[in-house]
Protein backbone atom coordinates (compact mmCIF):
# COMPACT_ATOMS: atom_id res chain seq x y z
CA MET A 1 72.28 -8.21 104.98
CA GLU A 2 69.27 -5.98 104.62
CA ASP A 3 66.86 -5.86 101.67
CA GLN A 4 66.22 -2.28 100.61
CA PRO A 5 62.92 -0.89 99.30
CA ASP A 6 64.48 -0.25 95.87
CA GLY A 7 65.42 -3.93 95.50
CA SER A 8 69.08 -3.46 96.39
CA LEU A 9 70.86 -5.24 99.20
CA LEU A 10 72.79 -3.52 101.99
CA VAL A 11 75.70 -5.66 103.20
CA LYS A 12 77.79 -4.84 106.28
CA PHE A 13 80.82 -6.75 107.50
CA LYS A 14 84.37 -6.41 108.77
CA ALA A 15 87.48 -7.13 106.72
CA GLY A 16 91.21 -7.28 107.35
CA GLY A 17 91.82 -3.95 105.61
CA LEU A 18 90.77 -1.63 102.83
CA LEU A 19 92.91 -3.29 100.16
CA GLU A 20 91.47 -6.71 100.97
CA MET A 21 87.96 -5.31 100.84
CA ALA A 22 88.63 -3.46 97.58
CA TRP A 23 89.75 -6.69 95.88
CA HIS A 24 86.60 -8.49 97.03
CA LEU A 25 84.41 -5.66 95.73
CA TYR A 26 86.30 -5.56 92.42
CA GLN A 27 84.72 -8.84 91.31
CA TRP A 28 81.25 -7.27 91.40
CA GLY A 29 82.19 -4.46 89.02
CA ASP A 30 79.67 -1.64 88.71
CA ALA A 31 77.01 -3.66 90.54
CA VAL A 32 78.52 -2.38 93.81
CA GLU A 33 78.19 1.07 95.35
CA VAL A 34 80.48 1.68 98.32
CA LEU A 35 78.82 3.89 100.92
CA SER A 36 81.49 3.85 103.63
CA PRO A 37 84.15 4.18 104.83
CA PRO A 38 85.11 7.16 102.65
CA GLU A 39 88.60 5.76 102.07
CA LEU A 40 87.19 2.56 100.56
CA LYS A 41 84.68 4.52 98.48
CA GLU A 42 87.58 6.55 97.04
CA ILE A 43 89.56 3.40 96.16
CA HIS A 44 86.49 1.84 94.53
CA ASP A 45 85.60 5.00 92.62
CA ARG A 46 89.17 5.37 91.29
CA ALA A 47 89.13 1.75 90.10
CA SER A 48 85.83 2.38 88.30
CA VAL A 49 87.41 5.21 86.32
CA ALA A 50 90.74 3.47 85.74
CA TRP A 51 89.24 0.14 84.63
CA PRO A 52 85.74 0.78 83.25
CA GLY A 53 85.60 -2.62 81.55
CA ARG A 54 86.19 -4.65 84.69
CA PRO A 55 83.76 -7.47 85.45
């Protein structure tokens, strides 16, 4: 984890796959911005549009 100058937190880690990672990120709702990999960012962005009221 790395604190960022804007007060955000950069977190890097490995997961068993994109779907597993997407479900973990889902619980944070719009408080998460996926930077990479592009495939995970696409999954996350689609979920944000499909379920705007998620947690």
